Amino acid sequence: MPDFLPSSLPTASARRHLVAQATALCCATGALGLVLPARAQSDTRTLEPVVVSGSGSTAASVSGFGLAPAARTPIQTTTVTQAQLQDQGSTSLNGLTRADAAVSDAYNAAGYWSILKVRGYTLDNRSNYRRDGLPINAETTLGLDNKAAVEILKGTSGIQAGASAPGGLVNLLVKRPQASQRTATLSWEERGTVGASVDLAERFGTDARHGLRVNAAWQELAPKTASARGRYQLLSVAGDWRISPDHLLEAEIETSHRSQASAPGFSLLGNRLPDAASIDPNTNLNNQTWSLPVVTDGTTASLRWLSQLGGGWSFQAHGMSQQLISQDRLAYAYGCSAEGNWDRYCSDGSFDLYDFRSENERRDTAALDLSVRGGARTGAIGHQLELGVLSTRTSVRLQGQAYNYVGTGTIDASSRTAADPTLSYNNTDRTERSTEFYARDTMDLGADWRLWAGLRHTRLQRESVQTDGSEATAYRQGVTTPWLALSRQLTPQTLAYVSWGQGIESEVVANRPHYSNAGTALPALRSRQTEIGLKYARTGLTGSLSLFDIRRPRAADSGICDSSIDDSCTRVIDGRQRHLGIEASGAVTRGAWTLQASAMALRARIEDSQEATLDDSRPDDVPSRTLKMQLSWRVPQVAGLTLHGTVAHESERVVLPQDNSVRIPGWTTLGLGTRWNLATAAGQLTWRVGVDNLTNRRAWRESPYQYGHAYLFPLAERTWRTSVQMDF
């Protein structure tokens, strides 16, 4: 059944090797700080790295339009810097839900990798994530310790990513050795999570042509969630060589390890929605004596060559390799056979419990991007062009999995059962190759008008087969995704635009006997988005307003769909899921006060479905209104002290896809924090203290309907955290 969860655990020797690496590198980086000069010599090179600051003047590379400032591009993006993540205490990608109202949770279980929604659509962890612009697999722990920032693209991404789910993209920006950097950090979070990290960078050699940056991080995880202790480690090295003012070579590698038991969600109790106030949010239903942690190990390396060609043109070659190993193990709560309900728990609070294990999962991704960028003119029209080709290969290699009924559990986590690790089910091995040709053009039409155009042609080749060699599928598909926008600079600070674009997803019908069209590829699922927007940016004030309409085709099963009856089911395109919404965001600074806020109102509906119960219904787990806000005050009487408060609100969510009457109520949480920068003889000291969910609000945070089952995840209870950072 579930060949759906992640998994992989390193051997004991592999863990010892990683710890040894971290220890050795920490020693080496300490020596680096002593040996290298305190400040790099002056830099005269032409090729400059992008410095992320999060302001409207900052370029968002995830947009695909080079170094154009975010405030002057007809695309909605958000850049979350490392400093912002530190202020809010975020150590994983689910922290992005605090940064932008368009981003929300989508099955974010403690101890598992992050899954996000953007504009109401769930991002695909296999296709909607990027690392310095190259595709990666996000079915793993993605460490943020060596990331300068995280970029979020909101809307369809057909010209940026080819085949990907609508809603947006997430792009991780790796830290580079731009200047001298020596930082050490210690952190603590309630109940007993402790961490330490170092960030050391230096430029050296003639004209500071060589750079090196090392990040090392360690956490002992002891959250409030019961039976969820674990450990996290990350080690990374980034270097560059400024060969000449026109040529730059960059290389980097990171390796990480995380081991932590995950916490399954709660569910409906028969036909009743349980009151979140009656549930202890720290309860972990995965607390059997045989429960094992989810373990993720990953190594990613990249090499990038940048060269100025003359005449305003540049060339880039960027290659990357990602290798993931995971062990996915869970005491898995699923359904109620006693009452014949497989999508919820029993009325009395019991549920069927399974021993799920999928071990030694291997996911590999390799990508190479070649591109040129430059300017040209055709008559009176100026062009900023980018032409390129991206080749990607991904493979997933699994072994048989355990999914065995072991008895009955209860929502108070008091029941005990015996393990059954028998490998009783097949898994699915997958291989995908894609070649993407892309072109983007920014045309200056004069009189403050610009036309933006993009085109991407994707050639896909996908294969899959069960681990026992059965149910093989293979297909090829070619798709083209266009994008077009027209903008006008109304004033030096104000941009108005309208845009239209497409995105595609590709699906093949499972090669199983009960499908009448088994093993065939469905027509490309082509999403379409229209957007109208307004942006404003000046010193001390930025703002953005956009109205968007996204229409995504739905693939669904039609027929009685009995797995014991051949040809009883047909996989078809059944209507569409349409999200019509309005977003607003802004930041204003007045003296010592800074207010940052974003809000989204969304009308999400399923349209033109053959199923009467679905047509015009709301999709599950999509809030219709969200608000994220932070108010900061620089205390005039205390140098370096900043206080901030946060507000987060999400409206009700539908629990079941065919019954909109069952909804979890909306919720609002408050948070407080402080940051105090102190100048000392040893360097700059930064203290951070914060508390999340200040009022200890009890509510259901999200209601994902996953794997044919309704789940409920509670808000985490009030949690204190603190950290101290030394820049020396």
Foldseek 3Di string as FASTA:
>chain_A
DPLPADFADDDPVVVVVVVVVLVVVVVVLVVVCVPDDQWAFAADAQDDDQQDDFAQQGADCLVVQPGHRNLADPFDKGKFFPVNCVQVVHFAPQCVVQVFQQKAAFPPWPQFHGWIAGLQHTWQQQFQEEEVLHGDRRRFTDTCQQFGIKMWTAFFQCQSTFAITTGTHIYTYGDAQNIFFWKKKWKAWPPGKIKIKIWGKHFDDDSSQKIKIKIKMKMFDDHLAPQWTKIKIKIKMKMKGNPHSFKIKIKMKMKMKIWTAIAFFAFAAVPHDDDLVVADQNYGLQDAPPRGTKMKIKMKMKMKMKGDPDPFKIKMKIKMKMKMFIKDWTQDFFADVVVPTGFHAHNVQKTWTWTKIWYGKMKMKIKIKIKMWGWDDDPPKIKTKMWIKMKMKMKIDTAAMGTGTFGMAGSNSPDYTDHDGDRDGWHKIKIKIKMKIKMWMWIDPDPQKIKIKMKMKMKMWMWMATNVRPQIAIDIDIDMKMKIKMWGQPDVFKIWMKMKIKHWHWDAAGQAQQEPRHRGIAPIWIKMKIKIKMWGDDVFKTKIKMWMKIKTWDWDKDAPPDSVDGPRIYTDGFFIKMKTKMKMWMWGDDVQKIKTKIKMAIDIAGDRGPDPLRHRDHAFWGFRIKMKMKMKGDDPVAPQKIKMKIKIKTAWGAQDNRDRVDIWGIDMAMKIKMWGWDQDPQAIKIKIKMKTRVVQDRTFSTWHSPPNYTGTNIDDGIMIMMMMMGID
